Amino acid sequence: QAHLVESGGGLVQPGGSLRLSCAASGFTLDDYNIGWFRQAPGMEREEREGISCISSSDGGTFYRDSVKGRFTISRDNARNTVYLQMNSLEPEDTGIYYCAGTGGSSCPMTARSIERPFGLIRLFDSWGQGTQVTVTS
C-alpha cells in the first residue's frame, strides 16, 4: 500500500531554514509526480495551497510565486524521498505541510491550477499526515 511520511517541520525564527522530507513506502516515488501543499491556520483541507511540485518524467519543477528563490524541491531516488528546502522563512510560511503523489507524465500543479485548490488537491491520490512549520519571532 502506498504510504507517504513527512518530517522536518519545526519552530523557526523569520529568516531561518528548514528541510522537509517526504519518504515513500509501498511504491517507487520516482514513478510519481510529488507535490508539497500548505494548510495555513484557519484554512480548510480543500483550501490547501500548492507550493511546489517535481515531475516524475523529467524532474521538472514548479514553485508558486511567493516561494520562488527561497524554496527548492528535489528528489533522492536512492532514498525514495523528496525534499523541500525552505530558506529565508517568513511568518506567512506558517502551516501544516503535506506531500502528495499523483501519476501521469507531468505534475498537474501549475500557475493556473493553484488558483483552484479544491480541484488541484483532488488530482493527488496519496497524501502524508503532514508536518507543522511555525515561523515566528
Protein backbone atom coordinates (compact mmCIF):
# COMPACT_ATOMS: atom_id res chain seq x y z
CA GLN A 1 0.00 0.00 0.00
CA ALA A 2 1.32 3.42 -0.95
CA HIS A 3 2.37 5.45 2.06
CA LEU A 4 3.96 8.90 2.40
CA VAL A 5 5.51 10.27 5.58
CA GLU A 6 6.58 13.90 6.05
CA SER A 7 9.17 15.05 8.56
CA GLY A 8 11.42 18.01 9.25
CA GLY A 9 8.95 20.61 10.42
CA GLY A 10 9.51 22.75 13.47
CA LEU A 11 9.62 26.19 15.04
CA VAL A 12 11.97 28.69 13.42
CA GLN A 13 12.58 32.43 13.50
CA PRO A 14 11.99 34.61 10.43
CA GLY A 15 14.93 34.28 8.08
CA GLY A 16 15.63 30.74 9.21
CA SER A 17 15.66 27.49 7.26
CA LEU A 18 14.08 24.06 7.40
CA ARG A 19 14.31 21.00 5.18
CA LEU A 20 11.18 18.92 4.87
CA SER A 21 11.33 15.28 3.81
CA CYS A 22 8.68 13.15 2.15
CA ALA A 23 9.55 9.46 2.39
CA ALA A 24 7.64 6.88 0.39
CA SER A 25 6.96 3.23 1.09
CA GLY A 26 4.99 0.69 -0.86
CA PHE A 27 5.80 2.29 -4.20
CA THR A 28 8.68 3.81 -6.12
CA LEU A 29 8.50 7.51 -5.58
CA ASP A 30 10.18 8.50 -8.85
CA ASP A 31 7.25 6.95 -10.74
CA TYR A 32 5.05 9.70 -9.31
CA ASN A 33 4.78 13.43 -9.51
CA ILE A 34 5.20 14.73 -5.95
CA GLY A 35 3.73 17.97 -4.72
CA TRP A 36 4.04 19.95 -1.49
CA PHE A 37 0.99 21.71 -0.11
CA ARG A 38 0.48 24.09 2.81
CA GLN A 39 -2.57 24.32 5.03
CA ALA A 40 -2.33 27.63 6.85
CA PRO A 41 -4.07 28.24 10.21
CA GLY A 42 -7.82 28.57 9.71
CA MET A 43 -7.68 27.04 6.26
CA GLU A 44 -9.90 24.10 5.37
CA ARG A 45 -8.44 20.94 3.85
CA GLU A 46 -9.97 21.81 0.48
CA GLU A 47 -8.11 25.12 0.52
CA ARG A 48 -4.62 23.68 0.83
CA GLU A 49 -2.21 25.74 -1.25
CA GLY A 50 0.00 24.14 -3.82
CA ILE A 51 3.57 25.22 -3.00
CA SER A 52 5.89 23.20 -5.23
CA CYS A 53 5.97 20.09 -7.35
CA ILE A 54 8.51 17.84 -9.07
CA SER A 55 7.62 15.79 -12.13
CA SER A 56 8.37 12.09 -12.45
CA SER A 57 9.25 12.14 -16.14
CA ASP A 58 11.96 14.80 -16.36
CA GLY A 59 12.38 16.20 -12.87
CA GLY A 60 10.80 19.46 -13.93
CA THR A 61 9.82 21.70 -11.03
CA PHE A 62 7.12 24.22 -10.21
CA TYR A 63 7.00 26.86 -7.47
CA ARG A 64 4.28 29.28 -6.52
CA ASP A 65 5.45 32.88 -6.81
CA SER A 66 5.62 33.54 -3.07
CA VAL A 67 8.32 30.88 -2.55
CA LYS A 68 10.38 31.27 -5.72
CA GLY A 69 14.03 31.86 -4.92
CA ARG A 70 13.53 30.68 -1.31
CA PHE A 71 12.31 27.08 -1.61
CA THR A 72 13.91 24.23 -3.56
CA ILE A 73 12.32 20.86 -4.26
CA SER A 74 14.50 17.86 -5.02
CA ARG A 75 14.34 14.11 -5.26
CA ASP A 76 16.69 11.38 -3.97
CA ASN A 77 15.68 8.21 -5.76
CA ALA A 78 18.10 6.04 -3.79
CA ARG A 79 16.33 7.06 -0.58
CA ASN A 80 12.88 7.13 -2.18
CA THR A 81 12.49 10.62 -0.72
CA VAL A 82 11.54 14.08 -1.93
CA TYR A 83 12.82 17.15 -0.09
CA LEU A 84 11.66 20.73 0.24
CA GLN A 85 14.47 23.04 1.30
CA MET A 86 12.97 26.21 2.74
CA ASN A 87 15.21 29.24 3.24
CA SER A 88 14.50 32.83 4.29
CA LEU A 89 11.34 31.69 6.00
CA GLU A 90 8.61 34.24 6.69
CA PRO A 91 5.71 34.17 9.16
CA GLU A 92 3.39 33.74 6.16
CA ASP A 93 5.01 30.35 5.53
CA THR A 94 3.48 29.00 8.73
CA GLY A 95 1.21 25.99 8.34
CA ILE A 96 0.99 22.25 8.07
CA TYR A 97 2.95 21.00 5.07
CA TYR A 98 1.77 17.92 3.22
CA CYS A 99 3.35 15.96 0.42
CA ALA A 100 1.15 14.18 -2.06
CA GLY A 101 1.63 11.97 -5.10
CA THR A 102 -0.09 11.58 -8.41
CA GLY A 103 0.57 9.66 -11.61
CA GLY A 104 0.89 10.98 -15.12
CA SER A 105 3.70 12.33 -17.25
CA SER A 106 3.91 15.72 -15.57
CA CYS A 107 2.85 17.41 -12.38
CA PRO A 108 -0.62 18.98 -12.56
CA MET A 109 0.43 21.81 -10.26
CA THR A 110 0.69 24.94 -12.42
CA ALA A 111 0.28 28.69 -12.02
CA ARG A 112 -3.28 28.25 -13.19
CA SER A 113 -4.26 25.13 -11.21
CA ILE A 114 -3.07 26.52 -7.86
CA GLU A 115 -5.79 29.18 -8.22
CA ARG A 116 -8.33 26.35 -7.89
CA PRO A 117 -7.08 24.43 -4.83
CA PHE A 118 -10.22 22.30 -4.50
CA GLY A 119 -9.70 20.88 -7.97
CA LEU A 120 -5.96 20.57 -7.61
CA ILE A 121 -5.91 18.54 -4.41
CA ARG A 122 -8.36 16.07 -5.91
CA LEU A 123 -5.77 15.25 -8.57
CA PHE A 124 -3.40 13.88 -5.93
CA ASP A 125 -4.37 10.47 -4.59
CA SER A 126 -1.72 9.69 -1.98
CA TRP A 127 -1.20 12.04 0.97
CA GLY A 128 1.02 12.09 4.02
CA GLN A 129 -0.09 13.08 7.51
CA GLY A 130 1.61 16.49 7.42
CA THR A 131 4.36 18.24 9.35
CA GLN A 132 3.94 21.53 11.21
CA VAL A 133 6.06 24.54 10.27
CA THR A 134 5.84 27.60 12.50
CA VAL A 135 7.76 30.78 11.69
CA THR A 136 7.67 33.31 14.50
CA SER A 137 9.95 35.64 16.41
